[in-house]
């Protein structure tokens, strides 16, 4: 396993870590006309339990 030959300076470490950014998840509207709640894409709606206009989660 490779090991660094020299210690990385504090400014290099911090400039490398500055690229680690979080982003808000993209949300889409539910396809169910009665619901229309925001949800994650390609995931069943947590409010009404539908996916692609089909009920997949009873509740």
PDB file of N, CA and C in Angstrom:
ATOM      1  N   UNK A   1       0.844  -1.174   0.000  1.00  0.00           N
ATOM      2  CA  UNK A   1       0.000   0.000   0.000  1.00  0.00           C
ATOM      3  C   UNK A   1       0.891   1.240   0.000  1.00  0.00           C
ATOM      4  N   UNK A   2       0.613   2.193  -0.889  1.00  0.00           N
ATOM      5  CA  UNK A   2       1.474   3.378  -0.967  1.00  0.00           C
ATOM      6  C   UNK A   2       1.346   4.260   0.267  1.00  0.00           C
ATOM      7  N   UNK A   3       2.461   4.830   0.623  1.00  0.00           N
ATOM      8  CA  UNK A   3       2.525   5.724   1.770  1.00  0.00           C
ATOM      9  C   UNK A   3       3.109   7.043   1.289  1.00  0.00           C
ATOM     10  N   UNK A   4       2.566   8.191   1.719  1.00  0.00           N
ATOM     11  CA  UNK A   4       3.120   9.472   1.274  1.00  0.00           C
ATOM     12  C   UNK A   4       4.576   9.626   1.700  1.00  0.00           C
ATOM     13  N   UNK A   5       5.389  10.145   0.784  1.00  0.00           N
ATOM     14  CA  UNK A   5       6.807  10.326   1.087  1.00  0.00           C
ATOM     15  C   UNK A   5       7.019  11.519   2.007  1.00  0.00           C
ATOM     16  N   UNK A   6       6.214  12.568   1.809  1.00  0.00           N
ATOM     17  CA  UNK A   6       6.354  13.760   2.635  1.00  0.00           C
ATOM     18  C   UNK A   6       4.990  14.137   3.212  1.00  0.00           C
ATOM     19  N   UNK A   7       5.055  14.853   4.307  1.00  0.00           N
ATOM     20  CA  UNK A   7       3.822  15.303   4.942  1.00  0.00           C
ATOM     21  C   UNK A   7       3.167  16.373   4.084  1.00  0.00           C
ATOM     22  N   UNK A   8       1.834  16.296   3.949  1.00  0.00           N
ATOM     23  CA  UNK A   8       1.112  17.298   3.171  1.00  0.00           C
ATOM     24  C   UNK A   8       0.894  18.544   4.024  1.00  0.00           C
ATOM     25  N   UNK A   9       1.169  19.695   3.460  1.00  0.00           N
ATOM     26  CA  UNK A   9       1.055  20.938   4.218  1.00  0.00           C
ATOM     27  C   UNK A   9      -0.400  21.215   4.590  1.00  0.00           C
ATOM     28  N   UNK A  10      -0.585  22.076   5.558  1.00  0.00           N
ATOM     29  CA  UNK A  10      -1.925  22.402   6.027  1.00  0.00           C
ATOM     30  C   UNK A  10      -2.731  23.096   4.938  1.00  0.00           C
ATOM     31  N   UNK A  11      -2.107  23.979   4.166  1.00  0.00           N
ATOM     32  CA  UNK A  11      -2.845  24.679   3.107  1.00  0.00           C
ATOM     33  C   UNK A  11      -3.236  23.723   1.987  1.00  0.00           C
ATOM     34  N   UNK A  12      -2.382  22.782   1.662  1.00  0.00           N
ATOM     35  CA  UNK A  12      -2.745  21.799   0.636  1.00  0.00           C
ATOM     36  C   UNK A  12      -3.877  20.907   1.119  1.00  0.00           C
ATOM     37  N   UNK A  13      -3.831  20.508   2.363  1.00  0.00           N
ATOM     38  CA  UNK A  13      -4.888  19.669   2.915  1.00  0.00           C
ATOM     39  C   UNK A  13      -6.212  20.410   2.920  1.00  0.00           C
ATOM     40  N   UNK A  14      -6.191  21.639   3.346  1.00  0.00           N
ATOM     41  CA  UNK A  14      -7.434  22.414   3.422  1.00  0.00           C
ATOM     42  C   UNK A  14      -7.981  22.758   2.051  1.00  0.00           C
ATOM     43  N   UNK A  15      -7.115  23.028   1.089  1.00  0.00           N
ATOM     44  CA  UNK A  15      -7.616  23.327  -0.257  1.00  0.00           C
ATOM     45  C   UNK A  15      -8.190  22.078  -0.911  1.00  0.00           C
ATOM     46  N   UNK A  16      -7.654  20.924  -0.592  1.00  0.00           N
ATOM     47  CA  UNK A  16      -8.216  19.674  -1.107  1.00  0.00           C
ATOM     48  C   UNK A  16      -9.568  19.403  -0.457  1.00  0.00           C
ATOM     49  N   UNK A  17      -9.669  19.620   0.838  1.00  0.00           N
ATOM     50  CA  UNK A  17     -10.926  19.376   1.542  1.00  0.00           C
ATOM     51  C   UNK A  17     -12.007  20.389   1.187  1.00  0.00           C
ATOM     52  N   UNK A  18     -11.625  21.538   0.666  1.00  0.00           N
ATOM     53  CA  UNK A  18     -12.626  22.556   0.341  1.00  0.00           C
ATOM     54  C   UNK A  18     -13.507  22.128  -0.822  1.00  0.00           C
ATOM     55  N   UNK A  19     -13.097  21.109  -1.574  1.00  0.00           N
ATOM     56  CA  UNK A  19     -13.885  20.633  -2.702  1.00  0.00           C
ATOM     57  C   UNK A  19     -15.001  19.684  -2.255  1.00  0.00           C
ATOM     58  N   UNK A  20     -14.972  19.247  -1.012  1.00  0.00           N
ATOM     59  CA  UNK A  20     -15.999  18.343  -0.505  1.00  0.00           C
ATOM     60  C   UNK A  20     -17.226  19.159  -0.122  1.00  0.00           C
ATOM     61  N   UNK A  21     -18.166  19.301  -1.025  1.00  0.00           N
ATOM     62  CA  UNK A  21     -19.342  20.112  -0.770  1.00  0.00           C
ATOM     63  C   UNK A  21     -20.585  19.226  -0.769  1.00  0.00           C
ATOM     64  N   UNK A  22     -21.535  19.594   0.040  1.00  0.00           N
ATOM     65  CA  UNK A  22     -22.809  18.881   0.029  1.00  0.00           C
ATOM     66  C   UNK A  22     -23.781  19.638  -0.855  1.00  0.00           C
ATOM     67  N   UNK A  23     -24.681  18.912  -1.465  1.00  0.00           N
ATOM     68  CA  UNK A  23     -25.708  19.529  -2.297  1.00  0.00           C
ATOM     69  C   UNK A  23     -27.073  19.043  -1.811  1.00  0.00           C
ATOM     70  N   UNK A  24     -28.044  19.880  -1.966  1.00  0.00           N
ATOM     71  CA  UNK A  24     -29.403  19.507  -1.593  1.00  0.00           C
ATOM     72  C   UNK A  24     -29.919  18.473  -2.590  1.00  0.00           C
ATOM     73  N   UNK A  25     -30.673  17.468  -2.134  1.00  0.00           N
ATOM     74  CA  UNK A  25     -31.176  16.459  -3.066  1.00  0.00           C
ATOM     75  C   UNK A  25     -32.196  17.063  -4.017  1.00  0.00           C
ATOM     76  N   UNK A  26     -32.170  16.583  -5.266  1.00  0.00           N
ATOM     77  CA  UNK A  26     -33.138  17.067  -6.246  1.00  0.00           C
ATOM     78  C   UNK A  26     -34.483  16.410  -5.962  1.00  0.00           C
ATOM     79  N   UNK A  27     -35.523  17.198  -5.981  1.00  0.00           N
ATOM     80  CA  UNK A  27     -36.870  16.711  -5.700  1.00  0.00           C
ATOM     81  C   UNK A  27     -37.742  16.894  -6.934  1.00  0.00           C
ATOM     82  N   UNK A  28     -38.636  15.945  -7.157  1.00  0.00           N
ATOM     83  CA  UNK A  28     -39.611  16.021  -8.244  1.00  0.00           C
ATOM     84  C   UNK A  28     -40.996  15.879  -7.633  1.00  0.00           C
ATOM     85  N   UNK A  29     -42.004  16.266  -8.400  1.00  0.00           N
ATOM     86  CA  UNK A  29     -43.374  16.151  -7.910  1.00  0.00           C
ATOM     87  C   UNK A  29     -43.885  14.732  -8.158  1.00  0.00           C
ATOM     88  N   UNK A  30     -44.700  14.252  -7.262  1.00  0.00           N
ATOM     89  CA  UNK A  30     -45.311  12.928  -7.382  1.00  0.00           C
ATOM     90  C   UNK A  30     -46.245  12.918  -8.595  1.00  0.00           C
ATOM     91  N   UNK A  31     -46.274  11.781  -9.322  1.00  0.00           N
ATOM     92  CA  UNK A  31     -47.120  11.679 -10.515  1.00  0.00           C
ATOM     93  C   UNK A  31     -48.600  11.530 -10.187  1.00  0.00           C
ATOM     94  N   UNK A  32     -48.900  11.165  -8.958  1.00  0.00           N
ATOM     95  CA  UNK A  32     -50.287  10.997  -8.548  1.00  0.00           C
ATOM     96  C   UNK A  32     -50.972  12.370  -8.550  1.00  0.00           C
ATOM     97  N   UNK A  33     -52.013  12.558  -9.356  1.00  0.00           N
ATOM     98  CA  UNK A  33     -52.665  13.876  -9.414  1.00  0.00           C
ATOM     99  C   UNK A  33     -53.247  14.325  -8.088  1.00  0.00           C
ATOM    100  N   UNK A  34     -53.613  13.396  -7.226  1.00  0.00           N
ATOM    101  CA  UNK A  34     -54.195  13.766  -5.937  1.00  0.00           C
ATOM    102  C   UNK A  34     -53.125  14.146  -4.923  1.00  0.00           C
ATOM    103  N   UNK A  35     -51.891  13.741  -5.158  1.00  0.00           N
ATOM    104  CA  UNK A  35     -50.837  13.953  -4.160  1.00  0.00           C
ATOM    105  C   UNK A  35     -49.959  15.165  -4.516  1.00  0.00           C
ATOM    106  N   UNK A  36     -49.173  15.043  -5.564  1.00  0.00           N
ATOM    107  CA  UNK A  36     -48.276  16.110  -6.059  1.00  0.00           C
ATOM    108  C   UNK A  36     -47.276  16.605  -5.011  1.00  0.00           C
ATOM    109  N   UNK A  37     -46.905  15.755  -4.053  1.00  0.00           N
ATOM    110  CA  UNK A  37     -45.922  16.128  -3.035  1.00  0.00           C
ATOM    111  C   UNK A  37     -44.512  15.971  -3.602  1.00  0.00           C
ATOM    112  N   UNK A  38     -43.550  16.770  -3.142  1.00  0.00           N
ATOM    113  CA  UNK A  38     -42.173  16.575  -3.607  1.00  0.00           C
ATOM    114  C   UNK A  38     -41.588  15.286  -3.044  1.00  0.00           C
ATOM    115  N   UNK A  39     -40.827  14.580  -3.891  1.00  0.00           N
ATOM    116  CA  UNK A  39     -40.215  13.316  -3.501  1.00  0.00           C
ATOM    117  C   UNK A  39     -38.913  13.142  -4.255  1.00  0.00           C
ATOM    118  N   UNK A  40     -38.109  12.169  -3.842  1.00  0.00           N
ATOM    119  CA  UNK A  40     -36.876  11.865  -4.552  1.00  0.00           C
ATOM    120  C   UNK A  40     -37.204  11.165  -5.859  1.00  0.00           C
ATOM    121  N   UNK A  41     -36.441  11.429  -6.931  1.00  0.00           N
ATOM    122  CA  UNK A  41     -36.720  10.746  -8.189  1.00  0.00           C
ATOM    123  C   UNK A  41     -36.394   9.255  -8.095  1.00  0.00           C
ATOM    124  N   UNK A  42     -37.139   8.434  -8.823  1.00  0.00           N
ATOM    125  CA  UNK A  42     -36.950   6.980  -8.893  1.00  0.00           C
ATOM    126  C   UNK A  42     -37.187   6.295  -7.553  1.00  0.00           C
ATOM    127  N   UNK A  43     -38.030   6.893  -6.704  1.00  0.00           N
ATOM    128  CA  UNK A  43     -38.354   6.338  -5.394  1.00  0.00           C
ATOM    129  C   UNK A  43     -39.864   6.444  -5.217  1.00  0.00           C
ATOM    130  N   UNK A  44     -40.451   5.465  -4.546  1.00  0.00           N
ATOM    131  CA  UNK A  44     -41.884   5.524  -4.273  1.00  0.00           C
ATOM    132  C   UNK A  44     -42.189   6.727  -3.385  1.00  0.00           C
ATOM    133  N   UNK A  45     -43.328   7.338  -3.600  1.00  0.00           N
ATOM    134  CA  UNK A  45     -43.721   8.522  -2.835  1.00  0.00           C
ATOM    135  C   UNK A  45     -43.984   8.119  -1.383  1.00  0.00           C
ATOM    136  N   UNK A  46     -43.330   8.780  -0.431  1.00  0.00           N
ATOM    137  CA  UNK A  46     -43.572   8.421   0.968  1.00  0.00           C
ATOM    138  C   UNK A  46     -44.946   8.862   1.473  1.00  0.00           C
ATOM    139  N   UNK A  47     -45.594   9.797   0.788  1.00  0.00           N
ATOM    140  CA  UNK A  47     -46.893  10.298   1.236  1.00  0.00           C
ATOM    141  C   UNK A  47     -48.033   9.372   0.810  1.00  0.00           C
ATOM    142  N   UNK A  48     -48.103   9.075  -0.495  1.00  0.00           N
ATOM    143  CA  UNK A  48     -49.228   8.280  -0.993  1.00  0.00           C
ATOM    144  C   UNK A  48     -48.839   6.849  -1.343  1.00  0.00           C
ATOM    145  N   UNK A  49     -47.561   6.540  -1.447  1.00  0.00           N
ATOM    146  CA  UNK A  49     -47.120   5.176  -1.706  1.00  0.00           C
ATOM    147  C   UNK A  49     -47.222   4.739  -3.148  1.00  0.00           C
ATOM    148  N   UNK A  50     -47.201   5.682  -4.094  1.00  0.00           N
ATOM    149  CA  UNK A  50     -47.273   5.308  -5.500  1.00  0.00           C
ATOM    150  C   UNK A  50     -45.925   5.485  -6.161  1.00  0.00           C
ATOM    151  N   UNK A  51     -45.721   4.704  -7.237  1.00  0.00           N
ATOM    152  CA  UNK A  51     -44.535   4.846  -8.072  1.00  0.00           C
ATOM    153  C   UNK A  51     -44.981   4.624  -9.504  1.00  0.00           C
ATOM    154  N   UNK A  52     -44.718   5.579 -10.353  1.00  0.00           N
ATOM    155  CA  UNK A  52     -45.097   5.513 -11.768  1.00  0.00           C
ATOM    156  C   UNK A  52     -46.603   5.275 -11.914  1.00  0.00           C
ATOM    157  N   UNK A  53     -47.372   6.013 -11.133  1.00  0.00           N
ATOM    158  CA  UNK A  53     -48.841   5.996 -11.120  1.00  0.00           C
ATOM    159  C   UNK A  53     -49.435   4.654 -10.698  1.00  0.00           C
ATOM    160  N   UNK A  54     -48.652   3.815 -10.013  1.00  0.00           N
ATOM    161  CA  UNK A  54     -49.153   2.543  -9.486  1.00  0.00           C
ATOM    162  C   UNK A  54     -48.945   2.521  -7.991  1.00  0.00           C
ATOM    163  N   UNK A  55     -49.887   1.984  -7.252  1.00  0.00           N
ATOM    164  CA  UNK A  55     -49.730   1.876  -5.799  1.00  0.00           C
ATOM    165  C   UNK A  55     -48.827   0.703  -5.507  1.00  0.00           C
ATOM    166  N   UNK A  56     -47.688   0.984  -4.867  1.00  0.00           N
ATOM    167  CA  UNK A  56     -46.723  -0.062  -4.563  1.00  0.00           C
ATOM    168  C   UNK A  56     -46.570  -0.260  -3.061  1.00  0.00           C
ATOM    169  N   UNK A  57     -46.960   0.737  -2.258  1.00  0.00           N
ATOM    170  CA  UNK A  57     -46.871   0.643  -0.812  1.00  0.00           C
ATOM    171  C   UNK A  57     -48.258   0.904  -0.258  1.00  0.00           C
ATOM    172  N   UNK A  58     -48.787  -0.066   0.445  1.00  0.00           N
ATOM    173  CA  UNK A  58     -50.109   0.160   1.046  1.00  0.00           C
ATOM    174  C   UNK A  58     -49.927   0.889   2.367  1.00  0.00           C
ATOM    175  N   UNK A  59     -50.766   1.842   2.598  1.00  0.00           N
ATOM    176  CA  UNK A  59     -50.623   2.541   3.851  1.00  0.00           C
ATOM    177  C   UNK A  59     -51.378   3.775   3.845  1.00  0.00           C
TER     178      UNK A  59
END
